[in-house]
Amino acid sequence: EGVKHAARIAAELGADIVKVNYTGSISSFRQVVEGCPIPMVIAGGERADDEKGIFTIIRESLEAGGAGVSVGRNVFQHENPRLMMKAIYNLVHKKISVEKAIDIVRSK
């Protein structure tokens, strides 16, 4: 509820887009997205130990209606930022699966 309320306030204050933390499930994030009239992107959050975790969050947020992602440290601190960015790009724009994203980042 807190994320949903904060996103709504941002929209009412004139924001064109809002970046929020993922709420943990497709159904709860869908409620946040549906309660806000502006595009919503998820924050990349803390550095993930494995790609599957961040890729799953990205895929689920998009399935819930999220507009995209804002990922920093999980790209820049990755051992291969170029492949990590390529995998995230394909998750968002090509709607590939988490498994295919993992294949991309491990293709070296």
PDB file of N, CA and C in Angstrom:
ATOM      1  N   GLU A   1       0.815  -1.201   0.000  1.00  0.00           N
ATOM      2  CA  GLU A   1       0.000   0.000   0.000  1.00  0.00           C
ATOM      3  C   GLU A   1       0.857   1.263   0.000  1.00  0.00           C
ATOM      4  N   GLY A   2       1.974   1.230   0.706  1.00  0.00           N
ATOM      5  CA  GLY A   2       2.830   2.407   0.775  1.00  0.00           C
ATOM      6  C   GLY A   2       3.398   2.799  -0.574  1.00  0.00           C
ATOM      7  N   VAL A   3       3.827   1.822  -1.348  1.00  0.00           N
ATOM      8  CA  VAL A   3       4.379   2.092  -2.679  1.00  0.00           C
ATOM      9  C   VAL A   3       3.288   2.651  -3.580  1.00  0.00           C
ATOM     10  N   LYS A   4       2.115   2.060  -3.518  1.00  0.00           N
ATOM     11  CA  LYS A   4       0.981   2.518  -4.332  1.00  0.00           C
ATOM     12  C   LYS A   4       0.628   3.966  -3.994  1.00  0.00           C
ATOM     13  N   HIS A   5       0.589   4.274  -2.720  1.00  0.00           N
ATOM     14  CA  HIS A   5       0.240   5.627  -2.280  1.00  0.00           C
ATOM     15  C   HIS A   5       1.311   6.638  -2.715  1.00  0.00           C
ATOM     16  N   ALA A   6       2.574   6.281  -2.537  1.00  0.00           N
ATOM     17  CA  ALA A   6       3.662   7.188  -2.919  1.00  0.00           C
ATOM     18  C   ALA A   6       3.672   7.448  -4.421  1.00  0.00           C
ATOM     19  N   ALA A   7       3.426   6.407  -5.215  1.00  0.00           N
ATOM     20  CA  ALA A   7       3.387   6.573  -6.672  1.00  0.00           C
ATOM     21  C   ALA A   7       2.247   7.496  -7.071  1.00  0.00           C
ATOM     22  N   ARG A   8       1.115   7.323  -6.443  1.00  0.00           N
ATOM     23  CA  ARG A   8      -0.053   8.166  -6.742  1.00  0.00           C
ATOM     24  C   ARG A   8       0.232   9.628  -6.393  1.00  0.00           C
ATOM     25  N   ILE A   9       0.875   9.854  -5.271  1.00  0.00           N
ATOM     26  CA  ILE A   9       1.229  11.221  -4.870  1.00  0.00           C
ATOM     27  C   ILE A   9       2.179  11.839  -5.896  1.00  0.00           C
ATOM     28  N   ALA A  10       3.161  11.071  -6.347  1.00  0.00           N
ATOM     29  CA  ALA A  10       4.096  11.575  -7.362  1.00  0.00           C
ATOM     30  C   ALA A  10       3.345  12.003  -8.613  1.00  0.00           C
ATOM     31  N   ALA A  11       2.381  11.195  -9.038  1.00  0.00           N
ATOM     32  CA  ALA A  11       1.580  11.537 -10.222  1.00  0.00           C
ATOM     33  C   ALA A  11       0.783  12.811  -9.982  1.00  0.00           C
ATOM     34  N   GLU A  12       0.182  12.923  -8.820  1.00  0.00           N
ATOM     35  CA  GLU A  12      -0.633  14.100  -8.511  1.00  0.00           C
ATOM     36  C   GLU A  12       0.201  15.367  -8.391  1.00  0.00           C
ATOM     37  N   LEU A  13       1.475  15.220  -8.057  1.00  0.00           N
ATOM     38  CA  LEU A  13       2.368  16.374  -7.968  1.00  0.00           C
ATOM     39  C   LEU A  13       2.962  16.765  -9.321  1.00  0.00           C
ATOM     40  N   GLY A  14       2.628  15.980 -10.362  1.00  0.00           N
ATOM     41  CA  GLY A  14       3.041  16.354 -11.705  1.00  0.00           C
ATOM     42  C   GLY A  14       4.153  15.534 -12.324  1.00  0.00           C
ATOM     43  N   ALA A  15       4.570  14.467 -11.668  1.00  0.00           N
ATOM     44  CA  ALA A  15       5.627  13.627 -12.245  1.00  0.00           C
ATOM     45  C   ALA A  15       5.147  13.012 -13.556  1.00  0.00           C
ATOM     46  N   ASP A  16       6.064  12.856 -14.494  1.00  0.00           N
ATOM     47  CA  ASP A  16       5.752  12.219 -15.774  1.00  0.00           C
ATOM     48  C   ASP A  16       5.979  10.714 -15.733  1.00  0.00           C
ATOM     49  N   ILE A  17       6.818  10.284 -14.808  1.00  0.00           N
ATOM     50  CA  ILE A  17       7.155   8.869 -14.644  1.00  0.00           C
ATOM     51  C   ILE A  17       7.566   8.686 -13.190  1.00  0.00           C
ATOM     52  N   VAL A  18       7.400   7.480 -12.680  1.00  0.00           N
ATOM     53  CA  VAL A  18       7.779   7.230 -11.289  1.00  0.00           C
ATOM     54  C   VAL A  18       8.601   5.945 -11.207  1.00  0.00           C
ATOM     55  N   LYS A  19       9.670   6.008 -10.394  1.00  0.00           N
ATOM     56  CA  LYS A  19      10.523   4.844 -10.155  1.00  0.00           C
ATOM     57  C   LYS A  19      10.231   4.337  -8.752  1.00  0.00           C
ATOM     58  N   VAL A  20       9.892   3.051  -8.654  1.00  0.00           N
ATOM     59  CA  VAL A  20       9.531   2.467  -7.362  1.00  0.00           C
ATOM     60  C   VAL A  20      10.259   1.143  -7.164  1.00  0.00           C
ATOM     61  N   ASN A  21      10.270   0.686  -5.933  1.00  0.00           N
ATOM     62  CA  ASN A  21      10.785  -0.647  -5.646  1.00  0.00           C
ATOM     63  C   ASN A  21       9.739  -1.677  -6.040  1.00  0.00           C
ATOM     64  N   TYR A  22      10.200  -2.829  -6.482  1.00  0.00           N
ATOM     65  CA  TYR A  22       9.295  -3.929  -6.797  1.00  0.00           C
ATOM     66  C   TYR A  22       8.677  -4.421  -5.497  1.00  0.00           C
ATOM     67  N   THR A  23       7.386  -4.709  -5.532  1.00  0.00           N
ATOM     68  CA  THR A  23       6.658  -5.073  -4.318  1.00  0.00           C
ATOM     69  C   THR A  23       6.741  -6.550  -3.957  1.00  0.00           C
ATOM     70  N   GLY A  24       7.321  -7.375  -4.810  1.00  0.00           N
ATOM     71  CA  GLY A  24       7.546  -8.763  -4.454  1.00  0.00           C
ATOM     72  C   GLY A  24       6.699  -9.789  -5.167  1.00  0.00           C
ATOM     73  N   SER A  25       5.615  -9.354  -5.794  1.00  0.00           N
ATOM     74  CA  SER A  25       4.791 -10.301  -6.548  1.00  0.00           C
ATOM     75  C   SER A  25       4.112  -9.581  -7.708  1.00  0.00           C
ATOM     76  N   ILE A  26       3.743 -10.363  -8.712  1.00  0.00           N
ATOM     77  CA  ILE A  26       3.058  -9.789  -9.868  1.00  0.00           C
ATOM     78  C   ILE A  26       1.743  -9.158  -9.441  1.00  0.00           C
ATOM     79  N   SER A  27       0.985  -9.843  -8.600  1.00  0.00           N
ATOM     80  CA  SER A  27      -0.339  -9.322  -8.218  1.00  0.00           C
ATOM     81  C   SER A  27      -0.236  -8.031  -7.413  1.00  0.00           C
ATOM     82  N   SER A  28       0.699  -7.955  -6.468  1.00  0.00           N
ATOM     83  CA  SER A  28       0.810  -6.720  -5.681  1.00  0.00           C
ATOM     84  C   SER A  28       1.353  -5.576  -6.527  1.00  0.00           C
ATOM     85  N   PHE A  29       2.284  -5.870  -7.443  1.00  0.00           N
ATOM     86  CA  PHE A  29       2.815  -4.804  -8.288  1.00  0.00           C
ATOM     87  C   PHE A  29       1.773  -4.340  -9.298  1.00  0.00           C
ATOM     88  N   ARG A  30       0.951  -5.257  -9.769  1.00  0.00           N
ATOM     89  CA  ARG A  30      -0.129  -4.881 -10.687  1.00  0.00           C
ATOM     90  C   ARG A  30      -1.068  -3.865 -10.013  1.00  0.00           C
ATOM     91  N   GLN A  31      -1.355  -4.055  -8.738  1.00  0.00           N
ATOM     92  CA  GLN A  31      -2.202  -3.105  -8.009  1.00  0.00           C
ATOM     93  C   GLN A  31      -1.559  -1.723  -7.963  1.00  0.00           C
ATOM     94  N   VAL A  32      -0.252  -1.685  -7.775  1.00  0.00           N
ATOM     95  CA  VAL A  32       0.463  -0.406  -7.757  1.00  0.00           C
ATOM     96  C   VAL A  32       0.376   0.260  -9.125  1.00  0.00           C
ATOM     97  N   VAL A  33       0.641  -0.502 -10.179  1.00  0.00           N
ATOM     98  CA  VAL A  33       0.606   0.030 -11.546  1.00  0.00           C
ATOM     99  C   VAL A  33      -0.792   0.532 -11.892  1.00  0.00           C
ATOM    100  N   GLU A  34      -1.802  -0.251 -11.565  1.00  0.00           N
ATOM    101  CA  GLU A  34      -3.178   0.130 -11.897  1.00  0.00           C
ATOM    102  C   GLU A  34      -3.662   1.330 -11.091  1.00  0.00           C
ATOM    103  N   GLY A  35      -3.038   1.596  -9.950  1.00  0.00           N
ATOM    104  CA  GLY A  35      -3.440   2.722  -9.123  1.00  0.00           C
ATOM    105  C   GLY A  35      -2.733   4.018  -9.459  1.00  0.00           C
ATOM    106  N   CYS A  36      -1.962   4.029 -10.530  1.00  0.00           N
ATOM    107  CA  CYS A  36      -1.172   5.206 -10.879  1.00  0.00           C
ATOM    108  C   CYS A  36      -1.321   5.504 -12.371  1.00  0.00           C
ATOM    109  N   PRO A  37      -1.674   6.734 -12.724  1.00  0.00           N
ATOM    110  CA  PRO A  37      -1.939   7.056 -14.124  1.00  0.00           C
ATOM    111  C   PRO A  37      -0.705   7.346 -14.986  1.00  0.00           C
ATOM    112  N   ILE A  38       0.482   7.298 -14.399  1.00  0.00           N
ATOM    113  CA  ILE A  38       1.697   7.577 -15.170  1.00  0.00           C
ATOM    114  C   ILE A  38       2.557   6.312 -15.261  1.00  0.00           C
ATOM    115  N   PRO A  39       3.469   6.246 -16.239  1.00  0.00           N
ATOM    116  CA  PRO A  39       4.324   5.067 -16.373  1.00  0.00           C
ATOM    117  C   PRO A  39       5.155   4.817 -15.115  1.00  0.00           C
ATOM    118  N   MET A  40       5.346   3.557 -14.816  1.00  0.00           N
ATOM    119  CA  MET A  40       6.081   3.160 -13.629  1.00  0.00           C
ATOM    120  C   MET A  40       7.237   2.245 -14.020  1.00  0.00           C
ATOM    121  N   VAL A  41       8.424   2.566 -13.512  1.00  0.00           N
ATOM    122  CA  VAL A  41       9.591   1.711 -13.712  1.00  0.00           C
ATOM    123  C   VAL A  41      10.075   1.240 -12.348  1.00  0.00           C
ATOM    124  N   ILE A  42      10.727   0.084 -12.335  1.00  0.00           N
ATOM    125  CA  ILE A  42      11.249  -0.404 -11.064  1.00  0.00           C
ATOM    126  C   ILE A  42      12.698   0.008 -10.895  1.00  0.00           C
ATOM    127  N   ALA A  43      13.059   0.239  -9.646  1.00  0.00           N
ATOM    128  CA  ALA A  43      14.441   0.514  -9.285  1.00  0.00           C
ATOM    129  C   ALA A  43      15.212  -0.796  -9.289  1.00  0.00           C
ATOM    130  N   GLY A  44      16.466  -0.741  -9.666  1.00  0.00           N
ATOM    131  CA  GLY A  44      17.292  -1.943  -9.701  1.00  0.00           C
ATOM    132  C   GLY A  44      17.628  -2.495  -8.332  1.00  0.00           C
ATOM    133  N   GLY A  45      17.603  -1.653  -7.322  1.00  0.00           N
ATOM    134  CA  GLY A  45      17.841  -2.116  -5.964  1.00  0.00           C
ATOM    135  C   GLY A  45      19.293  -2.424  -5.659  1.00  0.00           C
ATOM    136  N   GLU A  46      19.476  -3.162  -4.582  1.00  0.00           N
ATOM    137  CA  GLU A  46      20.811  -3.547  -4.137  1.00  0.00           C
ATOM    138  C   GLU A  46      21.470  -4.472  -5.155  1.00  0.00           C
ATOM    139  N   ARG A  47      22.761  -4.571  -5.081  1.00  0.00           N
ATOM    140  CA  ARG A  47      23.520  -5.459  -5.962  1.00  0.00           C
ATOM    141  C   ARG A  47      23.068  -6.892  -5.717  1.00  0.00           C
ATOM    142  N   ALA A  48      22.613  -7.558  -6.765  1.00  0.00           N
ATOM    143  CA  ALA A  48      22.154  -8.947  -6.678  1.00  0.00           C
ATOM    144  C   ALA A  48      23.338  -9.894  -6.824  1.00  0.00           C
ATOM    145  N   ASP A  49      23.320 -10.980  -6.079  1.00  0.00           N
ATOM    146  CA  ASP A  49      24.393 -11.969  -6.170  1.00  0.00           C
ATOM    147  C   ASP A  49      24.283 -12.838  -7.417  1.00  0.00           C
ATOM    148  N   ASP A  50      23.070 -12.943  -7.947  1.00  0.00           N
ATOM    149  CA  ASP A  50      22.892 -13.763  -9.145  1.00  0.00           C
ATOM    150  C   ASP A  50      21.977 -13.048 -10.130  1.00  0.00           C
ATOM    151  N   GLU A  51      22.196 -13.305 -11.390  1.00  0.00           N
ATOM    152  CA  GLU A  51      21.411 -12.651 -12.430  1.00  0.00           C
ATOM    153  C   GLU A  51      19.951 -13.074 -12.403  1.00  0.00           C
ATOM    154  N   LYS A  52      19.696 -14.328 -12.046  1.00  0.00           N
ATOM    155  CA  LYS A  52      18.323 -14.834 -12.080  1.00  0.00           C
ATOM    156  C   LYS A  52      17.395 -13.986 -11.215  1.00  0.00           C
ATOM    157  N   GLY A  53      17.867 -13.558 -10.056  1.00  0.00           N
ATOM    158  CA  GLY A  53      17.043 -12.755  -9.160  1.00  0.00           C
ATOM    159  C   GLY A  53      16.604 -11.441  -9.788  1.00  0.00           C
ATOM    160  N   ILE A  54      17.548 -10.686 -10.330  1.00  0.00           N
ATOM    161  CA  ILE A  54      17.199  -9.396 -10.934  1.00  0.00           C
ATOM    162  C   ILE A  54      16.390  -9.594 -12.206  1.00  0.00           C
ATOM    163  N   PHE A  55      16.716 -10.612 -12.995  1.00  0.00           N
ATOM    164  CA  PHE A  55      15.950 -10.870 -14.220  1.00  0.00           C
ATOM    165  C   PHE A  55      14.508 -11.266 -13.899  1.00  0.00           C
ATOM    166  N   THR A  56      14.317 -12.029 -12.838  1.00  0.00           N
ATOM    167  CA  THR A  56      12.963 -12.430 -12.436  1.00  0.00           C
ATOM    168  C   THR A  56      12.150 -11.220 -12.004  1.00  0.00           C
ATOM    169  N   ILE A  57      12.761 -10.337 -11.230  1.00  0.00           N
ATOM    170  CA  ILE A  57      12.069  -9.115 -10.806  1.00  0.00           C
ATOM    171  C   ILE A  57      11.682  -8.278 -12.022  1.00  0.00           C
ATOM    172  N   ILE A  58      12.591  -8.136 -12.961  1.00  0.00           N
ATOM    173  CA  ILE A  58      12.304  -7.360 -14.171  1.00  0.00           C
ATOM    174  C   ILE A  58      11.149  -7.984 -14.945  1.00  0.00           C
ATOM    175  N   ARG A  59      11.229  -9.276 -15.205  1.00  0.00           N
ATOM    176  CA  ARG A  59      10.189  -9.969 -15.980  1.00  0.00           C
ATOM    177  C   ARG A  59       8.833  -9.839 -15.289  1.00  0.00           C
ATOM    178  N   GLU A  60       8.786 -10.073 -13.964  1.00  0.00           N
ATOM    179  CA  GLU A  60       7.518  -9.996 -13.240  1.00  0.00           C
ATOM    180  C   GLU A  60       6.950  -8.583 -13.232  1.00  0.00           C
ATOM    181  N   SER A  61       7.809  -7.579 -13.071  1.00  0.00           N
ATOM    182  CA  SER A  61       7.305  -6.200 -13.059  1.00  0.00           C
ATOM    183  C   SER A  61       6.705  -5.828 -14.405  1.00  0.00           C
ATOM    184  N   LEU A  62       7.306  -6.303 -15.474  1.00  0.00           N
ATOM    185  CA  LEU A  62       6.771  -6.033 -16.813  1.00  0.00           C
ATOM    186  C   LEU A  62       5.455  -6.768 -17.036  1.00  0.00           C
ATOM    187  N   GLU A  63       5.371  -8.013 -16.565  1.00  0.00           N
ATOM    188  CA  GLU A  63       4.124  -8.770 -16.681  1.00  0.00           C
ATOM    189  C   GLU A  63       2.990  -8.091 -15.918  1.00  0.00           C
ATOM    190  N   ALA A  64       3.336  -7.387 -14.844  1.00  0.00           N
ATOM    191  CA  ALA A  64       2.339  -6.690 -14.039  1.00  0.00           C
ATOM    192  C   ALA A  64       1.924  -5.351 -14.641  1.00  0.00           C
ATOM    193  N   GLY A  65       2.602  -4.932 -15.704  1.00  0.00           N
ATOM    194  CA  GLY A  65       2.244  -3.677 -16.352  1.00  0.00           C
ATOM    195  C   GLY A  65       3.249  -2.560 -16.196  1.00  0.00           C
ATOM    196  N   GLY A  66       4.386  -2.845 -15.575  1.00  0.00           N
ATOM    197  CA  GLY A  66       5.430  -1.841 -15.447  1.00  0.00           C
ATOM    198  C   GLY A  66       5.925  -1.391 -16.813  1.00  0.00           C
ATOM    199  N   ALA A  67       6.405  -0.146 -16.877  1.00  0.00           N
ATOM    200  CA  ALA A  67       6.829   0.434 -18.151  1.00  0.00           C
ATOM    201  C   ALA A  67       8.290   0.164 -18.477  1.00  0.00           C
ATOM    202  N   GLY A  68       9.066  -0.253 -17.496  1.00  0.00           N
ATOM    203  CA  GLY A  68      10.482  -0.483 -17.739  1.00  0.00           C
ATOM    204  C   GLY A  68      11.255  -0.583 -16.448  1.00  0.00           C
ATOM    205  N   VAL A  69      12.564  -0.365 -16.547  1.00  0.00           N
ATOM    206  CA  VAL A  69      13.439  -0.513 -15.387  1.00  0.00           C
ATOM    207  C   VAL A  69      14.442   0.631 -15.326  1.00  0.00           C
ATOM    208  N   SER A  70      14.970   0.843 -14.141  1.00  0.00           N
ATOM    209  CA  SER A  70      16.061   1.782 -13.932  1.00  0.00           C
ATOM    210  C   SER A  70      17.115   1.036 -13.119  1.00  0.00           C
ATOM    211  N   VAL A  71      18.038   0.405 -13.821  1.00  0.00           N
ATOM    212  CA  VAL A  71      19.026  -0.462 -13.178  1.00  0.00           C
ATOM    213  C   VAL A  71      20.399   0.177 -13.313  1.00  0.00           C
ATOM    214  N   GLY A  72      21.099   0.311 -12.207  1.00  0.00           N
ATOM    215  CA  GLY A  72      22.438   0.881 -12.218  1.00  0.00           C
ATOM    216  C   GLY A  72      23.474  -0.127 -11.781  1.00  0.00           C
ATOM    217  N   ARG A  73      23.611  -0.300 -10.475  1.00  0.00           N
ATOM    218  CA  ARG A  73      24.708  -1.117  -9.930  1.00  0.00           C
ATOM    219  C   ARG A  73      24.695  -2.564 -10.424  1.00  0.00           C
ATOM    220  N   ASN A  74      23.509  -3.119 -10.716  1.00  0.00           N
ATOM    221  CA  ASN A  74      23.464  -4.496 -11.205  1.00  0.00           C
ATOM    222  C   ASN A  74      23.977  -4.619 -12.636  1.00  0.00           C
ATOM    223  N   VAL A  75      24.144  -3.500 -13.297  1.00  0.00           N
ATOM    224  CA  VAL A  75      24.809  -3.492 -14.605  1.00  0.00           C
ATOM    225  C   VAL A  75      26.271  -3.094 -14.419  1.00  0.00           C
ATOM    226  N   PHE A  76      26.510  -1.937 -13.808  1.00  0.00           N
ATOM    227  CA  PHE A  76      27.860  -1.377 -13.742  1.00  0.00           C
ATOM    228  C   PHE A  76      28.823  -2.190 -12.889  1.00  0.00           C
ATOM    229  N   GLN A  77      28.310  -2.902 -11.885  1.00  0.00           N
ATOM    230  CA  GLN A  77      29.173  -3.705 -11.026  1.00  0.00           C
ATOM    231  C   GLN A  77      29.227  -5.175 -11.453  1.00  0.00           C
ATOM    232  N   HIS A  78      28.577  -5.492 -12.544  1.00  0.00           N
ATOM    233  CA  HIS A  78      28.602  -6.866 -13.047  1.00  0.00           C
ATOM    234  C   HIS A  78      29.941  -7.125 -13.731  1.00  0.00           C
ATOM    235  N   GLU A  79      30.380  -8.379 -13.739  1.00  0.00           N
ATOM    236  CA  GLU A  79      31.666  -8.698 -14.375  1.00  0.00           C
ATOM    237  C   GLU A  79      31.663  -8.414 -15.866  1.00  0.00           C
ATOM    238  N   ASN A  80      30.483  -8.424 -16.497  1.00  0.00           N
ATOM    239  CA  ASN A  80      30.379  -8.088 -17.917  1.00  0.00           C
ATOM    240  C   ASN A  80      29.168  -7.169 -18.125  1.00  0.00           C
ATOM    241  N   PRO A  81      29.341  -5.871 -17.876  1.00  0.00           N
ATOM    242  CA  PRO A  81      28.226  -4.932 -17.975  1.00  0.00           C
ATOM    243  C   PRO A  81      27.548  -4.921 -19.346  1.00  0.00           C
ATOM    244  N   ARG A  82      28.328  -5.112 -20.401  1.00  0.00           N
ATOM    245  CA  ARG A  82      27.748  -5.092 -21.746  1.00  0.00           C
ATOM    246  C   ARG A  82      26.732  -6.217 -21.925  1.00  0.00           C
ATOM    247  N   LEU A  83      27.080  -7.418 -21.512  1.00  0.00           N
ATOM    248  CA  LEU A  83      26.152  -8.540 -21.650  1.00  0.00           C
ATOM    249  C   LEU A  83      24.966  -8.411 -20.695  1.00  0.00           C
ATOM    250  N   MET A  84      25.221  -7.868 -19.510  1.00  0.00           N
ATOM    251  CA  MET A  84      24.120  -7.655 -18.561  1.00  0.00           C
ATOM    252  C   MET A  84      23.116  -6.667 -19.152  1.00  0.00           C
ATOM    253  N   MET A  85      23.614  -5.588 -19.742  1.00  0.00           N
ATOM    254  CA  MET A  85      22.725  -4.598 -20.354  1.00  0.00           C
ATOM    255  C   MET A  85      21.990  -5.196 -21.540  1.00  0.00           C
ATOM    256  N   LYS A  86      22.672  -6.003 -22.326  1.00  0.00           N
ATOM    257  CA  LYS A  86      22.038  -6.663 -23.471  1.00  0.00           C
ATOM    258  C   LYS A  86      20.901  -7.574 -23.002  1.00  0.00           C
ATOM    259  N   ALA A  87      21.126  -8.313 -21.929  1.00  0.00           N
ATOM    260  CA  ALA A  87      20.093  -9.204 -21.391  1.00  0.00           C
ATOM    261  C   ALA A  87      18.892  -8.406 -20.892  1.00  0.00           C
ATOM    262  N   ILE A  88      19.143  -7.317 -20.172  1.00  0.00           N
ATOM    263  CA  ILE A  88      18.042  -6.491 -19.660  1.00  0.00           C
ATOM    264  C   ILE A  88      17.288  -5.839 -20.810  1.00  0.00           C
ATOM    265  N   TYR A  89      18.012  -5.337 -21.792  1.00  0.00           N
ATOM    266  CA  TYR A  89      17.359  -4.755 -22.968  1.00  0.00           C
ATOM    267  C   TYR A  89      16.398  -5.763 -23.596  1.00  0.00           C
ATOM    268  N   ASN A  90      16.864  -6.984 -23.780  1.00  0.00           N
ATOM    269  CA  ASN A  90      16.031  -8.006 -24.409  1.00  0.00           C
ATOM    270  C   ASN A  90      14.857  -8.431 -23.532  1.00  0.00           C
ATOM    271  N   LEU A  91      15.031  -8.430 -22.218  1.00  0.00           N
ATOM    272  CA  LEU A  91      13.905  -8.701 -21.319  1.00  0.00           C
ATOM    273  C   LEU A  91      12.812  -7.655 -21.501  1.00  0.00           C
ATOM    274  N   VAL A  92      13.220  -6.392 -21.536  1.00  0.00           N
ATOM    275  CA  VAL A  92      12.256  -5.286 -21.602  1.00  0.00           C
ATOM    276  C   VAL A  92      11.659  -5.138 -22.996  1.00  0.00           C
ATOM    277  N   HIS A  93      12.499  -5.108 -24.013  1.00  0.00           N
ATOM    278  CA  HIS A  93      12.019  -4.763 -25.353  1.00  0.00           C
ATOM    279  C   HIS A  93      11.656  -5.951 -26.241  1.00  0.00           C
ATOM    280  N   LYS A  94      12.290  -7.083 -26.011  1.00  0.00           N
ATOM    281  CA  LYS A  94      12.010  -8.272 -26.828  1.00  0.00           C
ATOM    282  C   LYS A  94      11.173  -9.300 -26.073  1.00  0.00           C
ATOM    283  N   LYS A  95      10.929  -9.013 -24.788  1.00  0.00           N
ATOM    284  CA  LYS A  95      10.095  -9.863 -23.931  1.00  0.00           C
ATOM    285  C   LYS A  95      10.587 -11.310 -23.849  1.00  0.00           C
ATOM    286  N   ILE A  96      11.918 -11.471 -23.795  1.00  0.00           N
ATOM    287  CA  ILE A  96      12.478 -12.816 -23.679  1.00  0.00           C
ATOM    288  C   ILE A  96      12.265 -13.348 -22.259  1.00  0.00           C
ATOM    289  N   SER A  97      12.478 -14.639 -22.091  1.00  0.00           N
ATOM    290  CA  SER A  97      12.325 -15.279 -20.786  1.00  0.00           C
ATOM    291  C   SER A  97      13.549 -15.014 -19.906  1.00  0.00           C
ATOM    292  N   VAL A  98      13.380 -15.260 -18.623  1.00  0.00           N
ATOM    293  CA  VAL A  98      14.493 -15.152 -17.681  1.00  0.00           C
ATOM    294  C   VAL A  98      15.618 -16.098 -18.095  1.00  0.00           C
ATOM    295  N   GLU A  99      15.263 -17.290 -18.510  1.00  0.00           N
ATOM    296  CA  GLU A  99      16.268 -18.279 -18.907  1.00  0.00           C
ATOM    297  C   GLU A  99      17.086 -17.799 -20.107  1.00  0.00           C
ATOM    298  N   LYS A 100      16.433 -17.190 -21.079  1.00  0.00           N
ATOM    299  CA  LYS A 100      17.162 -16.672 -22.244  1.00  0.00           C
ATOM    300  C   LYS A 100      18.057 -15.497 -21.847  1.00  0.00           C
ATOM    301  N   ALA A 101      17.600 -14.680 -20.903  1.00  0.00           N
ATOM    302  CA  ALA A 101      18.426 -13.573 -20.418  1.00  0.00           C
ATOM    303  C   ALA A 101      19.679 -14.112 -19.731  1.00  0.00           C
ATOM    304  N   ILE A 102      19.517 -15.172 -18.959  1.00  0.00           N
ATOM    305  CA  ILE A 102      20.671 -15.802 -18.309  1.00  0.00           C
ATOM    306  C   ILE A 102      21.636 -16.341 -19.358  1.00  0.00           C
ATOM    307  N   ASP A 103      21.115 -16.947 -20.399  1.00  0.00           N
ATOM    308  CA  ASP A 103      21.973 -17.443 -21.487  1.00  0.00           C
ATOM    309  C   ASP A 103      22.787 -16.314 -22.111  1.00  0.00           C
ATOM    310  N   ILE A 104      22.158 -15.156 -22.296  1.00  0.00           N
ATOM    311  CA  ILE A 104      22.862 -14.006 -22.882  1.00  0.00           C
ATOM    312  C   ILE A 104      24.013 -13.576 -21.990  1.00  0.00           C
ATOM    313  N   VAL A 105      23.749 -13.401 -20.712  1.00  0.00           N
ATOM    314  CA  VAL A 105      24.767 -12.861 -19.810  1.00  0.00           C
ATOM    315  C   VAL A 105      25.900 -13.865 -19.564  1.00  0.00           C
ATOM    316  N   ARG A 106      25.639 -15.119 -19.771  1.00  0.00           N
ATOM    317  CA  ARG A 106      26.676 -16.139 -19.562  1.00  0.00           C
ATOM    318  C   ARG A 106      27.350 -16.566 -20.864  1.00  0.00           C
ATOM    319  N   SER A 107      26.993 -15.919 -21.967  1.00  0.00           N
ATOM    320  CA  SER A 107      27.523 -16.321 -23.277  1.00  0.00           C
ATOM    321  C   SER A 107      28.972 -15.927 -23.504  1.00  0.00           C
ATOM    322  N   LYS A 108      29.464 -14.944 -22.800  1.00  0.00           N
ATOM    323  CA  LYS A 108      30.840 -14.442 -22.875  1.00  0.00           C
ATOM    324  C   LYS A 108      31.471 -14.824 -24.172  1.00  0.00           C
TER     325      LYS A 108
END
